[in-house]
Amino acid sequence: ICGRHEAGHSGVCVLLLSAPTVSAVSLSVSPNLQQFFSGSSSVDLSCVDDGQTADGWTVKRTRGGLTEDCGAVPGFGRLLGSYCVVDLSAPNETFWCEDSSGQQSDRVSFSVQSDPTDKGVILEIPALPVRTGSDVILRCRQRNGATVAAYFFIKGSSVGHKPEHIITNITQADEGLYSCSTNQGGKSPQSSLRVRGQNTDITSCLKADVTL
């Protein structure tokens, strides 16, 4: 949309960017982690809109090719107020929020470390997408809760042996599969770091000498 000042033939152009239509509702995950150990793995899931519980939305999952609602089938979730408390047992499960019209939030997947030995480790990596420009710290954690120095792998390539891996000022280029391994033989599953751009609805541009 452009307007002109008659005297100087200059104006201001405001460019309206049409972003894809996406749901304002998101899946809240606590703790915000992708990987867990088997046997004591539970997360709290809820559907939120601007930090508030979203009415009319249901936490769902896919398992064995089937779509299920939280609390509606045996073994999938305990409804606790607005939360769906999920005990993770399968190696890989995917969850999201959905309303009666079929509108969906982003999907979140979890991995369960099935290695029963003390060598087993998991990678502490966010389950939810992270915003560009933010910082993320990745750690390698043992079953006893301690973090250990490890080799960190990004898209299959090692970035060295260190206590933790810090990613600053994240960009889309940081998306990909991450994992960690230790000198004792422990190796975590691979999990994907997802990156989302900052929300921008309108970009303004100042133009001089615009002739209409």
C-alpha atoms as a PDB file:
ATOM      1  CA  ILE A   1       0.000   0.000   0.000  1.00  0.00           C
ATOM      2  CA  CYS A   2       1.665   3.243  -1.090  1.00  0.00           C
ATOM      3  CA  GLY A   3       0.719   6.869  -0.474  1.00  0.00           C
ATOM      4  CA  ARG A   4       2.149  10.071  -1.997  1.00  0.00           C
ATOM      5  CA  HIS A   5       2.847  13.558  -0.712  1.00  0.00           C
ATOM      6  CA  GLU A   6       1.664  15.807  -3.575  1.00  0.00           C
ATOM      7  CA  ALA A   7       4.360  18.469  -3.143  1.00  0.00           C
ATOM      8  CA  GLY A   8       7.419  16.292  -3.056  1.00  0.00           C
ATOM      9  CA  HIS A   9       6.189  13.252  -4.987  1.00  0.00           C
ATOM     10  CA  SER A  10       7.529  11.066  -2.223  1.00  0.00           C
ATOM     11  CA  GLY A  11       5.647   8.587  -0.150  1.00  0.00           C
ATOM     12  CA  VAL A  12       5.690   5.740   2.293  1.00  0.00           C
ATOM     13  CA  CYS A  13       5.220   2.181   1.109  1.00  0.00           C
ATOM     14  CA  VAL A  14       4.001  -0.387   3.602  1.00  0.00           C
ATOM     15  CA  LEU A  15       4.459  -3.978   2.451  1.00  0.00           C
ATOM     16  CA  LEU A  16       1.920  -6.380   3.922  1.00  0.00           C
ATOM     17  CA  LEU A  17       3.316  -9.889   4.132  1.00  0.00           C
ATOM     18  CA  SER A  18       0.772 -12.668   3.919  1.00  0.00           C
ATOM     19  CA  ALA A  19       2.060 -15.413   6.194  1.00  0.00           C
ATOM     20  CA  PRO A  20       0.679 -18.961   5.981  1.00  0.00           C
ATOM     21  CA  THR A  21      -2.394 -19.521   8.095  1.00  0.00           C
ATOM     22  CA  VAL A  22      -1.313 -21.430  11.183  1.00  0.00           C
ATOM     23  CA  SER A  23      -3.042 -22.266  14.391  1.00  0.00           C
ATOM     24  CA  ALA A  24      -2.487 -19.887  17.283  1.00  0.00           C
ATOM     25  CA  VAL A  25      -2.758 -22.894  19.575  1.00  0.00           C
ATOM     26  CA  SER A  26       0.427 -24.735  20.456  1.00  0.00           C
ATOM     27  CA  LEU A  27       1.333 -27.887  22.307  1.00  0.00           C
ATOM     28  CA  SER A  28       2.934 -27.141  25.676  1.00  0.00           C
ATOM     29  CA  VAL A  29       5.490 -29.725  26.878  1.00  0.00           C
ATOM     30  CA  SER A  30       6.875 -30.021  30.406  1.00  0.00           C
ATOM     31  CA  PRO A  31       9.697 -30.798  30.696  1.00  0.00           C
ATOM     32  CA  ASN A  32      10.601 -29.418  27.262  1.00  0.00           C
ATOM     33  CA  LEU A  33      12.818 -32.365  26.275  1.00  0.00           C
ATOM     34  CA  GLN A  34      12.755 -34.927  23.469  1.00  0.00           C
ATOM     35  CA  GLN A  35      14.635 -37.828  25.035  1.00  0.00           C
ATOM     36  CA  PHE A  36      13.841 -39.846  28.161  1.00  0.00           C
ATOM     37  CA  PHE A  37      14.951 -43.047  29.863  1.00  0.00           C
ATOM     38  CA  SER A  38      12.606 -46.007  29.887  1.00  0.00           C
ATOM     39  CA  GLY A  39      10.925 -46.878  33.163  1.00  0.00           C
ATOM     40  CA  SER A  40      10.475 -43.394  34.593  1.00  0.00           C
ATOM     41  CA  SER A  41       9.486 -41.232  31.656  1.00  0.00           C
ATOM     42  CA  SER A  42       6.486 -38.929  31.878  1.00  0.00           C
ATOM     43  CA  VAL A  43       5.617 -35.539  30.389  1.00  0.00           C
ATOM     44  CA  ASP A  44       2.790 -33.057  30.899  1.00  0.00           C
ATOM     45  CA  LEU A  45       1.108 -32.005  27.660  1.00  0.00           C
ATOM     46  CA  SER A  46      -1.499 -29.288  27.204  1.00  0.00           C
ATOM     47  CA  CYS A  47      -2.990 -27.108  24.475  1.00  0.00           C
ATOM     48  CA  VAL A  48      -2.357 -23.401  25.039  1.00  0.00           C
ATOM     49  CA  ASP A  49      -3.150 -20.130  23.288  1.00  0.00           C
ATOM     50  CA  ASP A  50      -0.970 -17.177  24.320  1.00  0.00           C
ATOM     51  CA  GLY A  51      -0.057 -18.971  27.539  1.00  0.00           C
ATOM     52  CA  GLN A  52      -3.657 -19.804  28.465  1.00  0.00           C
ATOM     53  CA  THR A  53      -5.460 -23.139  28.234  1.00  0.00           C
ATOM     54  CA  ALA A  54      -7.209 -23.450  24.865  1.00  0.00           C
ATOM     55  CA  ASP A  55     -10.789 -24.695  25.177  1.00  0.00           C
ATOM     56  CA  GLY A  56     -12.087 -27.229  22.688  1.00  0.00           C
ATOM     57  CA  TRP A  57      -8.677 -28.682  21.891  1.00  0.00           C
ATOM     58  CA  THR A  58      -7.540 -32.246  22.536  1.00  0.00           C
ATOM     59  CA  VAL A  59      -4.070 -33.747  22.903  1.00  0.00           C
ATOM     60  CA  LYS A  60      -3.699 -36.568  20.373  1.00  0.00           C
ATOM     61  CA  ARG A  61      -1.056 -39.072  19.366  1.00  0.00           C
ATOM     62  CA  THR A  62      -0.263 -41.543  16.626  1.00  0.00           C
ATOM     63  CA  ARG A  63       0.776 -45.039  17.581  1.00  0.00           C
ATOM     64  CA  GLY A  64       0.817 -48.122  15.404  1.00  0.00           C
ATOM     65  CA  GLY A  65      -0.795 -46.160  12.594  1.00  0.00           C
ATOM     66  CA  LEU A  66      -3.767 -45.167  14.788  1.00  0.00           C
ATOM     67  CA  THR A  67      -4.797 -41.717  16.033  1.00  0.00           C
ATOM     68  CA  GLU A  68      -5.878 -41.615  19.686  1.00  0.00           C
ATOM     69  CA  ASP A  69      -7.226 -38.986  22.108  1.00  0.00           C
ATOM     70  CA  CYS A  70      -5.649 -38.462  25.504  1.00  0.00           C
ATOM     71  CA  GLY A  71      -7.621 -40.241  28.227  1.00  0.00           C
ATOM     72  CA  ALA A  72      -9.920 -41.961  25.732  1.00  0.00           C
ATOM     73  CA  VAL A  73      -8.006 -45.219  25.364  1.00  0.00           C
ATOM     74  CA  PRO A  74      -6.193 -47.401  27.916  1.00  0.00           C
ATOM     75  CA  GLY A  75      -2.521 -46.552  28.213  1.00  0.00           C
ATOM     76  CA  PHE A  76      -2.679 -43.083  26.712  1.00  0.00           C
ATOM     77  CA  GLY A  77      -2.566 -40.324  29.258  1.00  0.00           C
ATOM     78  CA  ARG A  78      -4.150 -39.326  32.524  1.00  0.00           C
ATOM     79  CA  LEU A  79      -6.242 -36.167  32.419  1.00  0.00           C
ATOM     80  CA  LEU A  80      -5.215 -33.898  35.270  1.00  0.00           C
ATOM     81  CA  GLY A  81      -7.105 -30.627  34.967  1.00  0.00           C
ATOM     82  CA  SER A  82      -6.058 -29.136  31.637  1.00  0.00           C
ATOM     83  CA  TYR A  83      -3.024 -31.424  31.401  1.00  0.00           C
ATOM     84  CA  CYS A  84      -2.539 -34.785  29.748  1.00  0.00           C
ATOM     85  CA  VAL A  85       0.074 -36.680  31.772  1.00  0.00           C
ATOM     86  CA  VAL A  86       1.752 -39.199  29.481  1.00  0.00           C
ATOM     87  CA  ASP A  87       3.948 -42.127  30.478  1.00  0.00           C
ATOM     88  CA  LEU A  88       6.331 -42.676  27.579  1.00  0.00           C
ATOM     89  CA  SER A  89       6.982 -46.306  26.826  1.00  0.00           C
ATOM     90  CA  ALA A  90       7.184 -46.774  23.059  1.00  0.00           C
ATOM     91  CA  PRO A  91      10.509 -45.992  21.334  1.00  0.00           C
ATOM     92  CA  ASN A  92       8.904 -43.240  19.262  1.00  0.00           C
ATOM     93  CA  GLU A  93       5.595 -41.430  19.714  1.00  0.00           C
ATOM     94  CA  THR A  94       4.183 -38.267  18.129  1.00  0.00           C
ATOM     95  CA  PHE A  95       1.782 -35.853  19.851  1.00  0.00           C
ATOM     96  CA  TRP A  96      -0.141 -32.716  18.857  1.00  0.00           C
ATOM     97  CA  CYS A  97      -3.231 -30.616  19.662  1.00  0.00           C
ATOM     98  CA  GLU A  98      -6.352 -30.745  17.490  1.00  0.00           C
ATOM     99  CA  ASP A  99      -9.802 -29.153  17.626  1.00  0.00           C
ATOM    100  CA  SER A 100     -13.153 -30.499  16.433  1.00  0.00           C
ATOM    101  CA  SER A 101     -12.675 -28.939  12.982  1.00  0.00           C
ATOM    102  CA  GLY A 102      -9.359 -30.733  12.453  1.00  0.00           C
ATOM    103  CA  GLN A 103      -7.096 -27.707  12.946  1.00  0.00           C
ATOM    104  CA  GLN A 104      -3.750 -28.864  14.360  1.00  0.00           C
ATOM    105  CA  SER A 105      -0.751 -27.513  16.235  1.00  0.00           C
ATOM    106  CA  ASP A 106       2.866 -28.401  15.537  1.00  0.00           C
ATOM    107  CA  ARG A 107       3.714 -32.030  16.260  1.00  0.00           C
ATOM    108  CA  VAL A 108       6.223 -33.184  18.856  1.00  0.00           C
ATOM    109  CA  SER A 109       8.049 -36.513  18.970  1.00  0.00           C
ATOM    110  CA  PHE A 110       9.847 -38.216  21.847  1.00  0.00           C
ATOM    111  CA  SER A 111      12.497 -40.926  22.002  1.00  0.00           C
ATOM    112  CA  VAL A 112      12.886 -43.384  24.867  1.00  0.00           C
ATOM    113  CA  GLN A 113      16.358 -44.735  25.677  1.00  0.00           C
ATOM    114  CA  SER A 114      15.870 -48.479  26.097  1.00  0.00           C
ATOM    115  CA  ASP A 115      19.492 -49.291  27.053  1.00  0.00           C
ATOM    116  CA  PRO A 116      19.082 -50.729  30.587  1.00  0.00           C
ATOM    117  CA  THR A 117      22.781 -50.462  31.495  1.00  0.00           C
ATOM    118  CA  ASP A 118      24.551 -47.623  33.270  1.00  0.00           C
ATOM    119  CA  LYS A 119      26.235 -46.786  29.968  1.00  0.00           C
ATOM    120  CA  GLY A 120      22.997 -45.521  28.451  1.00  0.00           C
ATOM    121  CA  VAL A 121      22.765 -41.741  27.933  1.00  0.00           C
ATOM    122  CA  ILE A 122      20.229 -39.292  26.570  1.00  0.00           C
ATOM    123  CA  LEU A 123      20.702 -35.944  24.857  1.00  0.00           C
ATOM    124  CA  GLU A 124      19.006 -32.986  26.506  1.00  0.00           C
ATOM    125  CA  ILE A 125      17.489 -31.246  23.468  1.00  0.00           C
ATOM    126  CA  PRO A 126      14.260 -29.189  23.264  1.00  0.00           C
ATOM    127  CA  ALA A 127      11.107 -30.960  22.145  1.00  0.00           C
ATOM    128  CA  LEU A 128       9.499 -27.737  20.914  1.00  0.00           C
ATOM    129  CA  PRO A 129      10.847 -25.659  18.008  1.00  0.00           C
ATOM    130  CA  VAL A 130      13.260 -22.895  19.020  1.00  0.00           C
ATOM    131  CA  ARG A 131      13.171 -19.349  17.673  1.00  0.00           C
ATOM    132  CA  THR A 132      15.882 -17.907  15.469  1.00  0.00           C
ATOM    133  CA  GLY A 133      18.306 -15.760  17.417  1.00  0.00           C
ATOM    134  CA  SER A 134      17.924 -17.745  20.642  1.00  0.00           C
ATOM    135  CA  ASP A 135      20.555 -19.859  22.417  1.00  0.00           C
ATOM    136  CA  VAL A 136      20.384 -23.590  23.232  1.00  0.00           C
ATOM    137  CA  ILE A 137      22.591 -25.690  25.494  1.00  0.00           C
ATOM    138  CA  LEU A 138      22.806 -29.419  24.746  1.00  0.00           C
ATOM    139  CA  ARG A 139      23.942 -31.841  27.444  1.00  0.00           C
ATOM    140  CA  CYS A 140      24.529 -35.588  27.632  1.00  0.00           C
ATOM    141  CA  ARG A 141      22.850 -37.118  30.689  1.00  0.00           C
ATOM    142  CA  GLN A 142      23.165 -40.518  32.393  1.00  0.00           C
ATOM    143  CA  ARG A 143      20.339 -42.522  33.927  1.00  0.00           C
ATOM    144  CA  ASN A 144      21.433 -41.454  37.423  1.00  0.00           C
ATOM    145  CA  GLY A 145      20.784 -37.819  36.454  1.00  0.00           C
ATOM    146  CA  ALA A 146      24.409 -36.723  36.124  1.00  0.00           C
ATOM    147  CA  THR A 147      25.613 -34.896  33.030  1.00  0.00           C
ATOM    148  CA  VAL A 148      28.843 -36.145  31.488  1.00  0.00           C
ATOM    149  CA  ALA A 149      31.401 -34.910  28.998  1.00  0.00           C
ATOM    150  CA  ALA A 150      30.621 -36.399  25.614  1.00  0.00           C
ATOM    151  CA  TYR A 151      31.172 -36.273  21.885  1.00  0.00           C
ATOM    152  CA  PHE A 152      28.390 -34.225  20.319  1.00  0.00           C
ATOM    153  CA  PHE A 153      27.269 -35.026  16.783  1.00  0.00           C
ATOM    154  CA  ILE A 154      25.467 -32.657  14.406  1.00  0.00           C
ATOM    155  CA  LYS A 155      24.104 -34.135  11.186  1.00  0.00           C
ATOM    156  CA  GLY A 156      26.466 -37.070  11.658  1.00  0.00           C
ATOM    157  CA  SER A 157      29.626 -35.019  12.202  1.00  0.00           C
ATOM    158  CA  SER A 158      31.407 -34.705  15.549  1.00  0.00           C
ATOM    159  CA  VAL A 159      31.897 -31.216  17.005  1.00  0.00           C
ATOM    160  CA  GLY A 160      34.292 -32.404  19.693  1.00  0.00           C
ATOM    161  CA  HIS A 161      34.409 -33.830  23.206  1.00  0.00           C
ATOM    162  CA  LYS A 162      33.188 -31.363  25.850  1.00  0.00           C
ATOM    163  CA  PRO A 163      30.938 -30.989  28.922  1.00  0.00           C
ATOM    164  CA  GLU A 164      28.140 -29.398  26.870  1.00  0.00           C
ATOM    165  CA  HIS A 165      27.483 -27.992  23.414  1.00  0.00           C
ATOM    166  CA  ILE A 166      26.232 -24.398  23.209  1.00  0.00           C
ATOM    167  CA  ILE A 167      24.517 -23.044  20.104  1.00  0.00           C
ATOM    168  CA  THR A 168      24.221 -19.248  20.085  1.00  0.00           C
ATOM    169  CA  ASN A 169      22.119 -17.029  17.837  1.00  0.00           C
ATOM    170  CA  ILE A 170      20.359 -19.977  16.232  1.00  0.00           C
ATOM    171  CA  THR A 171      19.524 -19.872  12.508  1.00  0.00           C
ATOM    172  CA  GLN A 172      17.717 -22.235  10.142  1.00  0.00           C
ATOM    173  CA  ALA A 173      21.106 -23.730   9.290  1.00  0.00           C
ATOM    174  CA  ASP A 174      21.229 -25.246  12.796  1.00  0.00           C
ATOM    175  CA  GLU A 175      18.275 -27.536  12.069  1.00  0.00           C
ATOM    176  CA  GLY A 176      19.106 -31.220  11.841  1.00  0.00           C
ATOM    177  CA  LEU A 177      19.744 -34.412  13.782  1.00  0.00           C
ATOM    178  CA  TYR A 178      21.780 -34.249  17.014  1.00  0.00           C
ATOM    179  CA  SER A 179      23.147 -36.965  19.301  1.00  0.00           C
ATOM    180  CA  CYS A 180      25.901 -37.588  21.866  1.00  0.00           C
ATOM    181  CA  SER A 181      28.154 -40.457  22.886  1.00  0.00           C
ATOM    182  CA  THR A 182      30.595 -41.117  25.743  1.00  0.00           C
ATOM    183  CA  ASN A 183      33.968 -42.789  26.112  1.00  0.00           C
ATOM    184  CA  GLN A 184      32.256 -45.469  28.210  1.00  0.00           C
ATOM    185  CA  GLY A 185      30.264 -46.615  25.189  1.00  0.00           C
ATOM    186  CA  GLY A 186      26.973 -44.890  25.852  1.00  0.00           C
ATOM    187  CA  LYS A 187      25.207 -43.426  22.858  1.00  0.00           C
ATOM    188  CA  SER A 188      22.010 -41.403  22.806  1.00  0.00           C
ATOM    189  CA  PRO A 189      19.236 -41.641  20.218  1.00  0.00           C
ATOM    190  CA  GLN A 190      19.199 -39.052  17.449  1.00  0.00           C
ATOM    191  CA  SER A 191      16.742 -36.169  17.762  1.00  0.00           C
ATOM    192  CA  SER A 192      15.900 -33.301  15.478  1.00  0.00           C
ATOM    193  CA  LEU A 193      16.392 -29.668  16.469  1.00  0.00           C
ATOM    194  CA  ARG A 194      13.675 -27.585  14.806  1.00  0.00           C
ATOM    195  CA  VAL A 195      13.960 -23.854  14.224  1.00  0.00           C
ATOM    196  CA  ARG A 196      11.170 -21.328  13.669  1.00  0.00           C
ATOM    197  CA  GLY A 197      11.585 -17.751  12.492  1.00  0.00           C
ATOM    198  CA  GLN A 198      10.485 -14.779  14.548  1.00  0.00           C
ATOM    199  CA  ASN A 199       6.862 -13.729  14.029  1.00  0.00           C
ATOM    200  CA  THR A 200       6.732 -10.812  11.607  1.00  0.00           C
ATOM    201  CA  ASP A 201       3.404  -9.661  10.165  1.00  0.00           C
ATOM    202  CA  ILE A 202       4.187  -6.292   8.598  1.00  0.00           C
ATOM    203  CA  THR A 203       7.345  -4.856   7.070  1.00  0.00           C
ATOM    204  CA  SER A 204       7.468  -1.121   6.348  1.00  0.00           C
ATOM    205  CA  CYS A 205       9.706   0.401   3.724  1.00  0.00           C
ATOM    206  CA  LEU A 206      10.342   4.100   3.241  1.00  0.00           C
ATOM    207  CA  LYS A 207      10.543   5.058  -0.416  1.00  0.00           C
ATOM    208  CA  ALA A 208      11.522   8.446  -1.805  1.00  0.00           C
ATOM    209  CA  ASP A 209      10.457  10.041  -5.086  1.00  0.00           C
ATOM    210  CA  VAL A 210       7.572   7.687  -5.743  1.00  0.00           C
ATOM    211  CA  THR A 211       5.474   8.712  -8.734  1.00  0.00           C
ATOM    212  CA  LEU A 212       1.909   7.353  -8.801  1.00  0.00           C
END
